[in-house]
Amino acid sequence: MHVPTAEATTMRLFAETAYRAAGFKPAKVRSMGRGMLRMAGLFMPGAKESIEMLYQFERDFIVDSRKFSERFGMLATPIEEGVASAVEWFRRQSG
């Protein structure tokens, strides 16, 4: 379970948000199918290992923290704000 979340998003939208916050050009997000992952897995262990997790990306993965927020009275930080804060923190750390 992933909680809390302020709004639903996709990996593509998340990557675009992160690139924008970091001041980079728009993200080029592409996907690899099972066959390509198997081939890449010959050279990249991470690609081979990700095949078993593909089910998470074959259908929409909806995360809803409404019940968490109602129970604990906590609201999530909006994605734009959280990503901008993380980028700023990283910049301070890397001086």
PDB file of N, CA and C in Angstrom:
ATOM      1  N   MET A   1       0.848  -1.182   0.000  1.00  0.00           N
ATOM      2  CA  MET A   1       0.000   0.000   0.000  1.00  0.00           C
ATOM      3  C   MET A   1       0.890   1.239   0.000  1.00  0.00           C
ATOM      4  N   HIS A   2       0.521   2.228  -0.784  1.00  0.00           N
ATOM      5  CA  HIS A   2       1.239   3.488  -0.859  1.00  0.00           C
ATOM      6  C   HIS A   2       0.320   4.581  -0.336  1.00  0.00           C
ATOM      7  N   VAL A   3       0.698   5.191   0.764  1.00  0.00           N
ATOM      8  CA  VAL A   3      -0.110   6.286   1.301  1.00  0.00           C
ATOM      9  C   VAL A   3       0.813   7.338   1.876  1.00  0.00           C
ATOM     10  N   PRO A   4       0.431   8.541   2.021  1.00  0.00           N
ATOM     11  CA  PRO A   4      -0.721   9.123   1.347  1.00  0.00           C
ATOM     12  C   PRO A   4      -0.344   9.659  -0.033  1.00  0.00           C
ATOM     13  N   THR A   5      -1.323   9.854  -0.858  1.00  0.00           N
ATOM     14  CA  THR A   5      -1.123  10.410  -2.194  1.00  0.00           C
ATOM     15  C   THR A   5      -2.090  11.571  -2.375  1.00  0.00           C
ATOM     16  N   ALA A   6      -1.607  12.632  -2.980  1.00  0.00           N
ATOM     17  CA  ALA A   6      -2.458  13.810  -3.151  1.00  0.00           C
ATOM     18  C   ALA A   6      -3.353  13.685  -4.379  1.00  0.00           C
ATOM     19  N   GLU A   7      -2.817  13.073  -5.430  1.00  0.00           N
ATOM     20  CA  GLU A   7      -3.597  12.921  -6.654  1.00  0.00           C
ATOM     21  C   GLU A   7      -3.041  11.764  -7.465  1.00  0.00           C
ATOM     22  N   ALA A   8      -3.874  11.253  -8.340  1.00  0.00           N
ATOM     23  CA  ALA A   8      -3.433  10.149  -9.189  1.00  0.00           C
ATOM     24  C   ALA A   8      -2.515  10.700 -10.274  1.00  0.00           C
ATOM     25  N   THR A   9      -1.537   9.901 -10.669  1.00  0.00           N
ATOM     26  CA  THR A   9      -0.629  10.307 -11.735  1.00  0.00           C
ATOM     27  C   THR A   9      -0.124   9.068 -12.451  1.00  0.00           C
ATOM     28  N   THR A  10       0.572   9.282 -13.524  1.00  0.00           N
ATOM     29  CA  THR A  10       1.198   8.183 -14.252  1.00  0.00           C
ATOM     30  C   THR A  10       2.707   8.343 -14.129  1.00  0.00           C
ATOM     31  N   MET A  11       3.448   7.306 -14.477  1.00  0.00           N
ATOM     32  CA  MET A  11       4.906   7.408 -14.450  1.00  0.00           C
ATOM     33  C   MET A  11       5.370   8.481 -15.428  1.00  0.00           C
ATOM     34  N   ARG A  12       4.720   8.570 -16.561  1.00  0.00           N
ATOM     35  CA  ARG A  12       5.092   9.588 -17.552  1.00  0.00           C
ATOM     36  C   ARG A  12       4.899  10.991 -16.977  1.00  0.00           C
ATOM     37  N   LEU A  13       3.749  11.254 -16.361  1.00  0.00           N
ATOM     38  CA  LEU A  13       3.494  12.577 -15.780  1.00  0.00           C
ATOM     39  C   LEU A  13       4.437  12.862 -14.620  1.00  0.00           C
ATOM     40  N   PHE A  14       4.745  11.835 -13.831  1.00  0.00           N
ATOM     41  CA  PHE A  14       5.679  12.023 -12.726  1.00  0.00           C
ATOM     42  C   PHE A  14       7.062  12.399 -13.252  1.00  0.00           C
ATOM     43  N   ALA A  15       7.533  11.677 -14.285  1.00  0.00           N
ATOM     44  CA  ALA A  15       8.848  11.973 -14.880  1.00  0.00           C
ATOM     45  C   ALA A  15       8.861  13.383 -15.456  1.00  0.00           C
ATOM     46  N   GLU A  16       7.796  13.775 -16.132  1.00  0.00           N
ATOM     47  CA  GLU A  16       7.733  15.122 -16.697  1.00  0.00           C
ATOM     48  C   GLU A  16       7.775  16.174 -15.589  1.00  0.00           C
ATOM     49  N   THR A  17       7.100  15.925 -14.489  1.00  0.00           N
ATOM     50  CA  THR A  17       7.111  16.846 -13.351  1.00  0.00           C
ATOM     51  C   THR A  17       8.519  16.971 -12.786  1.00  0.00           C
ATOM     52  N   ALA A  18       9.199  15.838 -12.634  1.00  0.00           N
ATOM     53  CA  ALA A  18      10.555  15.847 -12.083  1.00  0.00           C
ATOM     54  C   ALA A  18      11.525  16.568 -13.019  1.00  0.00           C
ATOM     55  N   TYR A  19      11.433  16.303 -14.310  1.00  0.00           N
ATOM     56  CA  TYR A  19      12.306  16.977 -15.278  1.00  0.00           C
ATOM     57  C   TYR A  19      12.070  18.485 -15.244  1.00  0.00           C
ATOM     58  N   ARG A  20      10.808  18.887 -15.219  1.00  0.00           N
ATOM     59  CA  ARG A  20      10.468  20.309 -15.202  1.00  0.00           C
ATOM     60  C   ARG A  20      11.003  20.976 -13.930  1.00  0.00           C
ATOM     61  N   ALA A  21      10.850  20.324 -12.788  1.00  0.00           N
ATOM     62  CA  ALA A  21      11.318  20.885 -11.519  1.00  0.00           C
ATOM     63  C   ALA A  21      12.838  21.030 -11.501  1.00  0.00           C
ATOM     64  N   ALA A  22      13.523  20.115 -12.176  1.00  0.00           N
ATOM     65  CA  ALA A  22      14.983  20.156 -12.224  1.00  0.00           C
ATOM     66  C   ALA A  22      15.498  21.088 -13.312  1.00  0.00           C
ATOM     67  N   GLY A  23      14.594  21.618 -14.140  1.00  0.00           N
ATOM     68  CA  GLY A  23      14.986  22.531 -15.187  1.00  0.00           C
ATOM     69  C   GLY A  23      15.510  21.855 -16.435  1.00  0.00           C
ATOM     70  N   PHE A  24      15.194  20.580 -16.615  1.00  0.00           N
ATOM     71  CA  PHE A  24      15.628  19.851 -17.799  1.00  0.00           C
ATOM     72  C   PHE A  24      14.569  19.937 -18.898  1.00  0.00           C
ATOM     73  N   LYS A  25      14.971  19.575 -20.097  1.00  0.00           N
ATOM     74  CA  LYS A  25      14.025  19.481 -21.207  1.00  0.00           C
ATOM     75  C   LYS A  25      13.009  18.391 -20.880  1.00  0.00           C
ATOM     76  N   PRO A  26      11.858  18.389 -21.563  1.00  0.00           N
ATOM     77  CA  PRO A  26      10.836  17.369 -21.273  1.00  0.00           C
ATOM     78  C   PRO A  26      11.391  15.936 -21.312  1.00  0.00           C
ATOM     79  N   ALA A  27      10.881  15.132 -20.433  1.00  0.00           N
ATOM     80  CA  ALA A  27      11.317  13.738 -20.331  1.00  0.00           C
ATOM     81  C   ALA A  27      10.898  12.945 -21.560  1.00  0.00           C
ATOM     82  N   LYS A  28      11.748  12.023 -21.952  1.00  0.00           N
ATOM     83  CA  LYS A  28      11.397  11.089 -23.020  1.00  0.00           C
ATOM     84  C   LYS A  28      11.227   9.729 -22.350  1.00  0.00           C
ATOM     85  N   VAL A  29       9.989   9.423 -22.043  1.00  0.00           N
ATOM     86  CA  VAL A  29       9.689   8.175 -21.342  1.00  0.00           C
ATOM     87  C   VAL A  29       9.196   7.160 -22.362  1.00  0.00           C
ATOM     88  N   ARG A  30       9.826   6.021 -22.382  1.00  0.00           N
ATOM     89  CA  ARG A  30       9.426   4.946 -23.290  1.00  0.00           C
ATOM     90  C   ARG A  30       9.296   3.665 -22.490  1.00  0.00           C
ATOM     91  N   SER A  31       8.585   2.721 -23.032  1.00  0.00           N
ATOM     92  CA  SER A  31       8.432   1.447 -22.341  1.00  0.00           C
ATOM     93  C   SER A  31       9.062   0.326 -23.158  1.00  0.00           C
ATOM     94  N   MET A  32       9.355  -0.748 -22.459  1.00  0.00           N
ATOM     95  CA  MET A  32       9.906  -1.937 -23.102  1.00  0.00           C
ATOM     96  C   MET A  32       8.940  -3.084 -22.853  1.00  0.00           C
ATOM     97  N   GLY A  33       8.652  -3.859 -23.889  1.00  0.00           N
ATOM     98  CA  GLY A  33       7.784  -5.019 -23.740  1.00  0.00           C
ATOM     99  C   GLY A  33       8.546  -6.204 -23.164  1.00  0.00           C
ATOM    100  N   ARG A  34       7.839  -7.287 -22.927  1.00  0.00           N
ATOM    101  CA  ARG A  34       8.455  -8.495 -22.365  1.00  0.00           C
ATOM    102  C   ARG A  34       9.636  -8.996 -23.196  1.00  0.00           C
ATOM    103  N   GLY A  35       9.447  -9.057 -24.514  1.00  0.00           N
ATOM    104  CA  GLY A  35      10.510  -9.559 -25.376  1.00  0.00           C
ATOM    105  C   GLY A  35      11.772  -8.718 -25.282  1.00  0.00           C
ATOM    106  N   MET A  36      11.612  -7.413 -25.327  1.00  0.00           N
ATOM    107  CA  MET A  36      12.763  -6.518 -25.244  1.00  0.00           C
ATOM    108  C   MET A  36      13.415  -6.598 -23.861  1.00  0.00           C
ATOM    109  N   LEU A  37      12.591  -6.726 -22.817  1.00  0.00           N
ATOM    110  CA  LEU A  37      13.152  -6.870 -21.475  1.00  0.00           C
ATOM    111  C   LEU A  37      13.955  -8.166 -21.347  1.00  0.00           C
ATOM    112  N   ARG A  38      13.449  -9.229 -21.954  1.00  0.00           N
ATOM    113  CA  ARG A  38      14.195 -10.504 -21.919  1.00  0.00           C
ATOM    114  C   ARG A  38      15.544 -10.346 -22.621  1.00  0.00           C
ATOM    115  N   MET A  39      15.538  -9.678 -23.767  1.00  0.00           N
ATOM    116  CA  MET A  39      16.784  -9.478 -24.503  1.00  0.00           C
ATOM    117  C   MET A  39      17.740  -8.580 -23.695  1.00  0.00           C
ATOM    118  N   ALA A  40      17.209  -7.482 -23.186  1.00  0.00           N
ATOM    119  CA  ALA A  40      18.035  -6.570 -22.394  1.00  0.00           C
ATOM    120  C   ALA A  40      18.541  -7.261 -21.134  1.00  0.00           C
ATOM    121  N   GLY A  41      17.742  -8.197 -20.600  1.00  0.00           N
ATOM    122  CA  GLY A  41      18.129  -8.929 -19.397  1.00  0.00           C
ATOM    123  C   GLY A  41      19.396  -9.751 -19.559  1.00  0.00           C
ATOM    124  N   LEU A  42      19.770 -10.034 -20.790  1.00  0.00           N
ATOM    125  CA  LEU A  42      21.024 -10.746 -21.029  1.00  0.00           C
ATOM    126  C   LEU A  42      22.222  -9.888 -20.629  1.00  0.00           C
ATOM    127  N   PHE A  43      22.047  -8.573 -20.651  1.00  0.00           N
ATOM    128  CA  PHE A  43      23.142  -7.652 -20.371  1.00  0.00           C
ATOM    129  C   PHE A  43      22.905  -6.779 -19.140  1.00  0.00           C
ATOM    130  N   MET A  44      21.626  -6.630 -18.780  1.00  0.00           N
ATOM    131  CA  MET A  44      21.262  -5.758 -17.666  1.00  0.00           C
ATOM    132  C   MET A  44      20.409  -6.529 -16.668  1.00  0.00           C
ATOM    133  N   PRO A  45      20.990  -6.920 -15.533  1.00  0.00           N
ATOM    134  CA  PRO A  45      20.221  -7.697 -14.550  1.00  0.00           C
ATOM    135  C   PRO A  45      18.914  -7.017 -14.132  1.00  0.00           C
ATOM    136  N   GLY A  46      18.911  -5.691 -14.031  1.00  0.00           N
ATOM    137  CA  GLY A  46      17.697  -4.980 -13.634  1.00  0.00           C
ATOM    138  C   GLY A  46      16.556  -5.180 -14.604  1.00  0.00           C
ATOM    139  N   ALA A  47      16.870  -5.256 -15.889  1.00  0.00           N
ATOM    140  CA  ALA A  47      15.832  -5.471 -16.908  1.00  0.00           C
ATOM    141  C   ALA A  47      15.238  -6.865 -16.750  1.00  0.00           C
ATOM    142  N   LYS A  48      16.096  -7.837 -16.528  1.00  0.00           N
ATOM    143  CA  LYS A  48      15.623  -9.220 -16.361  1.00  0.00           C
ATOM    144  C   LYS A  48      14.732  -9.337 -15.129  1.00  0.00           C
ATOM    145  N   GLU A  49      15.134  -8.689 -14.054  1.00  0.00           N
ATOM    146  CA  GLU A  49      14.374  -8.766 -12.801  1.00  0.00           C
ATOM    147  C   GLU A  49      13.029  -8.042 -12.893  1.00  0.00           C
ATOM    148  N   SER A  50      12.938  -7.043 -13.761  1.00  0.00           N
ATOM    149  CA  SER A  50      11.698  -6.267 -13.842  1.00  0.00           C
ATOM    150  C   SER A  50      10.573  -7.005 -14.546  1.00  0.00           C
ATOM    151  N   ILE A  51      10.881  -8.071 -15.267  1.00  0.00           N
ATOM    152  CA  ILE A  51       9.842  -8.804 -15.996  1.00  0.00           C
ATOM    153  C   ILE A  51       8.745  -9.293 -15.048  1.00  0.00           C
ATOM    154  N   GLU A  52       9.130  -9.780 -13.883  1.00  0.00           N
ATOM    155  CA  GLU A  52       8.123 -10.299 -12.954  1.00  0.00           C
ATOM    156  C   GLU A  52       7.232  -9.206 -12.371  1.00  0.00           C
ATOM    157  N   MET A  53       7.629  -7.947 -12.528  1.00  0.00           N
ATOM    158  CA  MET A  53       6.832  -6.843 -12.000  1.00  0.00           C
ATOM    159  C   MET A  53       5.973  -6.168 -13.065  1.00  0.00           C
ATOM    160  N   LEU A  54       6.019  -6.655 -14.296  1.00  0.00           N
ATOM    161  CA  LEU A  54       5.276  -6.024 -15.388  1.00  0.00           C
ATOM    162  C   LEU A  54       3.774  -5.954 -15.135  1.00  0.00           C
ATOM    163  N   TYR A  55       3.242  -6.884 -14.367  1.00  0.00           N
ATOM    164  CA  TYR A  55       1.799  -6.885 -14.111  1.00  0.00           C
ATOM    165  C   TYR A  55       1.350  -5.547 -13.530  1.00  0.00           C
ATOM    166  N   GLN A  56       2.237  -4.844 -12.837  1.00  0.00           N
ATOM    167  CA  GLN A  56       1.867  -3.561 -12.233  1.00  0.00           C
ATOM    168  C   GLN A  56       1.636  -2.479 -13.279  1.00  0.00           C
ATOM    169  N   PHE A  57       2.142  -2.688 -14.481  1.00  0.00           N
ATOM    170  CA  PHE A  57       2.059  -1.671 -15.517  1.00  0.00           C
ATOM    171  C   PHE A  57       1.144  -2.050 -16.671  1.00  0.00           C
ATOM    172  N   GLU A  58       0.509  -3.198 -16.577  1.00  0.00           N
ATOM    173  CA  GLU A  58      -0.356  -3.655 -17.656  1.00  0.00           C
ATOM    174  C   GLU A  58      -1.771  -3.089 -17.561  1.00  0.00           C
ATOM    175  N   ARG A  59      -2.141  -2.617 -16.408  1.00  0.00           N
ATOM    176  CA  ARG A  59      -3.426  -1.960 -16.189  1.00  0.00           C
ATOM    177  C   ARG A  59      -3.196  -0.752 -15.295  1.00  0.00           C
ATOM    178  N   ASP A  60      -4.156   0.159 -15.286  1.00  0.00           N
ATOM    179  CA  ASP A  60      -4.028   1.322 -14.409  1.00  0.00           C
ATOM    180  C   ASP A  60      -3.842   0.875 -12.971  1.00  0.00           C
ATOM    181  N   PHE A  61      -2.948   1.534 -12.292  1.00  0.00           N
ATOM    182  CA  PHE A  61      -2.636   1.243 -10.889  1.00  0.00           C
ATOM    183  C   PHE A  61      -3.096   2.456 -10.096  1.00  0.00           C
ATOM    184  N   ILE A  62      -4.270   2.374  -9.497  1.00  0.00           N
ATOM    185  CA  ILE A  62      -4.872   3.501  -8.808  1.00  0.00           C
ATOM    186  C   ILE A  62      -4.531   3.441  -7.320  1.00  0.00           C
ATOM    187  N   VAL A  63      -3.973   4.540  -6.837  1.00  0.00           N
ATOM    188  CA  VAL A  63      -3.639   4.653  -5.421  1.00  0.00           C
ATOM    189  C   VAL A  63      -4.554   5.726  -4.844  1.00  0.00           C
ATOM    190  N   ASP A  64      -5.286   5.387  -3.799  1.00  0.00           N
ATOM    191  CA  ASP A  64      -6.246   6.308  -3.204  1.00  0.00           C
ATOM    192  C   ASP A  64      -6.029   6.336  -1.694  1.00  0.00           C
ATOM    193  N   SER A  65      -5.652   7.485  -1.171  1.00  0.00           N
ATOM    194  CA  SER A  65      -5.384   7.574   0.262  1.00  0.00           C
ATOM    195  C   SER A  65      -6.543   8.224   1.031  1.00  0.00           C
ATOM    196  N   ARG A  66      -7.704   8.275   0.413  1.00  0.00           N
ATOM    197  CA  ARG A  66      -8.862   8.901   1.054  1.00  0.00           C
ATOM    198  C   ARG A  66      -9.136   8.327   2.444  1.00  0.00           C
ATOM    199  N   LYS A  67      -9.149   7.001   2.565  1.00  0.00           N
ATOM    200  CA  LYS A  67      -9.426   6.384   3.869  1.00  0.00           C
ATOM    201  C   LYS A  67      -8.347   6.726   4.888  1.00  0.00           C
ATOM    202  N   PHE A  68      -7.098   6.738   4.458  1.00  0.00           N
ATOM    203  CA  PHE A  68      -5.990   7.105   5.342  1.00  0.00           C
ATOM    204  C   PHE A  68      -6.171   8.536   5.853  1.00  0.00           C
ATOM    205  N   SER A  69      -6.480   9.451   4.924  1.00  0.00           N
ATOM    206  CA  SER A  69      -6.647  10.854   5.296  1.00  0.00           C
ATOM    207  C   SER A  69      -7.815  11.042   6.251  1.00  0.00           C
ATOM    208  N   GLU A  70      -8.917  10.336   5.997  1.00  0.00           N
ATOM    209  CA  GLU A  70     -10.075  10.437   6.883  1.00  0.00           C
ATOM    210  C   GLU A  70      -9.745   9.894   8.268  1.00  0.00           C
ATOM    211  N   ARG A  71      -9.029   8.814   8.338  1.00  0.00           N
ATOM    212  CA  ARG A  71      -8.714   8.157   9.612  1.00  0.00           C
ATOM    213  C   ARG A  71      -7.692   8.940  10.435  1.00  0.00           C
ATOM    214  N   PHE A  72      -6.635   9.435   9.774  1.00  0.00           N
ATOM    215  CA  PHE A  72      -5.531  10.050  10.501  1.00  0.00           C
ATOM    216  C   PHE A  72      -5.468  11.572  10.370  1.00  0.00           C
ATOM    217  N   GLY A  73      -6.354  12.145   9.561  1.00  0.00           N
ATOM    218  CA  GLY A  73      -6.404  13.595   9.430  1.00  0.00           C
ATOM    219  C   GLY A  73      -5.179  14.200   8.764  1.00  0.00           C
ATOM    220  N   MET A  74      -4.465  13.414   7.998  1.00  0.00           N
ATOM    221  CA  MET A  74      -3.266  13.900   7.313  1.00  0.00           C
ATOM    222  C   MET A  74      -3.543  14.006   5.817  1.00  0.00           C
ATOM    223  N   LEU A  75      -3.056  15.079   5.223  1.00  0.00           N
ATOM    224  CA  LEU A  75      -3.193  15.245   3.787  1.00  0.00           C
ATOM    225  C   LEU A  75      -1.821  15.126   3.148  1.00  0.00           C
ATOM    226  N   ALA A  76      -1.785  14.560   1.974  1.00  0.00           N
ATOM    227  CA  ALA A  76      -0.525  14.379   1.261  1.00  0.00           C
ATOM    228  C   ALA A  76      -0.071  15.685   0.625  1.00  0.00           C
ATOM    229  N   THR A  77       1.220  15.790   0.430  1.00  0.00           N
ATOM    230  CA  THR A  77       1.798  16.920  -0.286  1.00  0.00           C
ATOM    231  C   THR A  77       1.534  16.725  -1.776  1.00  0.00           C
ATOM    232  N   PRO A  78       1.042  17.743  -2.462  1.00  0.00           N
ATOM    233  CA  PRO A  78       0.831  17.613  -3.906  1.00  0.00           C
ATOM    234  C   PRO A  78       2.137  17.238  -4.620  1.00  0.00           C
ATOM    235  N   ILE A  79       2.043  16.466  -5.677  1.00  0.00           N
ATOM    236  CA  ILE A  79       3.230  15.957  -6.373  1.00  0.00           C
ATOM    237  C   ILE A  79       4.150  17.084  -6.826  1.00  0.00           C
ATOM    238  N   GLU A  80       3.606  18.113  -7.441  1.00  0.00           N
ATOM    239  CA  GLU A  80       4.437  19.232  -7.918  1.00  0.00           C
ATOM    240  C   GLU A  80       5.262  19.813  -6.768  1.00  0.00           C
ATOM    241  N   GLU A  81       4.624  20.030  -5.628  1.00  0.00           N
ATOM    242  CA  GLU A  81       5.300  20.615  -4.473  1.00  0.00           C
ATOM    243  C   GLU A  81       6.351  19.654  -3.900  1.00  0.00           C
ATOM    244  N   GLY A  82       6.012  18.386  -3.790  1.00  0.00           N
ATOM    245  CA  GLY A  82       6.941  17.395  -3.253  1.00  0.00           C
ATOM    246  C   GLY A  82       8.171  17.214  -4.122  1.00  0.00           C
ATOM    247  N   VAL A  83       7.965  17.152  -5.426  1.00  0.00           N
ATOM    248  CA  VAL A  83       9.090  16.988  -6.353  1.00  0.00           C
ATOM    249  C   VAL A  83       9.979  18.227  -6.312  1.00  0.00           C
ATOM    250  N   ALA A  84       9.381  19.418  -6.322  1.00  0.00           N
ATOM    251  CA  ALA A  84      10.166  20.655  -6.267  1.00  0.00           C
ATOM    252  C   ALA A  84      10.988  20.707  -4.983  1.00  0.00           C
ATOM    253  N   SER A  85      10.394  20.291  -3.880  1.00  0.00           N
ATOM    254  CA  SER A  85      11.106  20.265  -2.597  1.00  0.00           C
ATOM    255  C   SER A  85      12.267  19.269  -2.622  1.00  0.00           C
ATOM    256  N   ALA A  86      12.044  18.109  -3.228  1.00  0.00           N
ATOM    257  CA  ALA A  86      13.100  17.094  -3.316  1.00  0.00           C
ATOM    258  C   ALA A  86      14.253  17.575  -4.197  1.00  0.00           C
ATOM    259  N   VAL A  87      13.930  18.225  -5.308  1.00  0.00           N
ATOM    260  CA  VAL A  87      14.975  18.756  -6.192  1.00  0.00           C
ATOM    261  C   VAL A  87      15.777  19.829  -5.467  1.00  0.00           C
ATOM    262  N   GLU A  88      15.105  20.730  -4.756  1.00  0.00           N
ATOM    263  CA  GLU A  88      15.802  21.767  -3.999  1.00  0.00           C
ATOM    264  C   GLU A  88      16.703  21.161  -2.926  1.00  0.00           C
ATOM    265  N   TRP A  89      16.213  20.163  -2.219  1.00  0.00           N
ATOM    266  CA  TRP A  89      17.035  19.485  -1.199  1.00  0.00           C
ATOM    267  C   TRP A  89      18.287  18.879  -1.833  1.00  0.00           C
ATOM    268  N   PHE A  90      18.107  18.204  -2.962  1.00  0.00           N
ATOM    269  CA  PHE A  90      19.241  17.576  -3.642  1.00  0.00           C
ATOM    270  C   PHE A  90      20.275  18.617  -4.070  1.00  0.00           C
ATOM    271  N   ARG A  91      19.793  19.739  -4.580  1.00  0.00           N
ATOM    272  CA  ARG A  91      20.721  20.806  -4.996  1.00  0.00           C
ATOM    273  C   ARG A  91      21.515  21.353  -3.810  1.00  0.00           C
ATOM    274  N   ARG A  92      20.859  21.499  -2.662  1.00  0.00           N
ATOM    275  CA  ARG A  92      21.584  21.973  -1.468  1.00  0.00           C
ATOM    276  C   ARG A  92      22.631  20.964  -1.027  1.00  0.00           C
ATOM    277  N   GLN A  93      22.310  19.672  -1.143  1.00  0.00           N
ATOM    278  CA  GLN A  93      23.250  18.616  -0.715  1.00  0.00           C
ATOM    279  C   GLN A  93      24.464  18.515  -1.632  1.00  0.00           C
ATOM    280  N   SER A  94      24.251  18.745  -2.916  1.00  0.00           N
ATOM    281  CA  SER A  94      25.345  18.553  -3.869  1.00  0.00           C
ATOM    282  C   SER A  94      26.143  19.842  -4.098  1.00  0.00           C
ATOM    283  N   GLY A  95      25.734  20.921  -3.432  1.00  0.00           N
ATOM    284  CA  GLY A  95      26.436  22.181  -3.407  1.00  0.00           C
ATOM    285  C   GLY A  95      26.911  22.667  -4.695  1.00  0.00           C
TER     286      GLY A  95
END
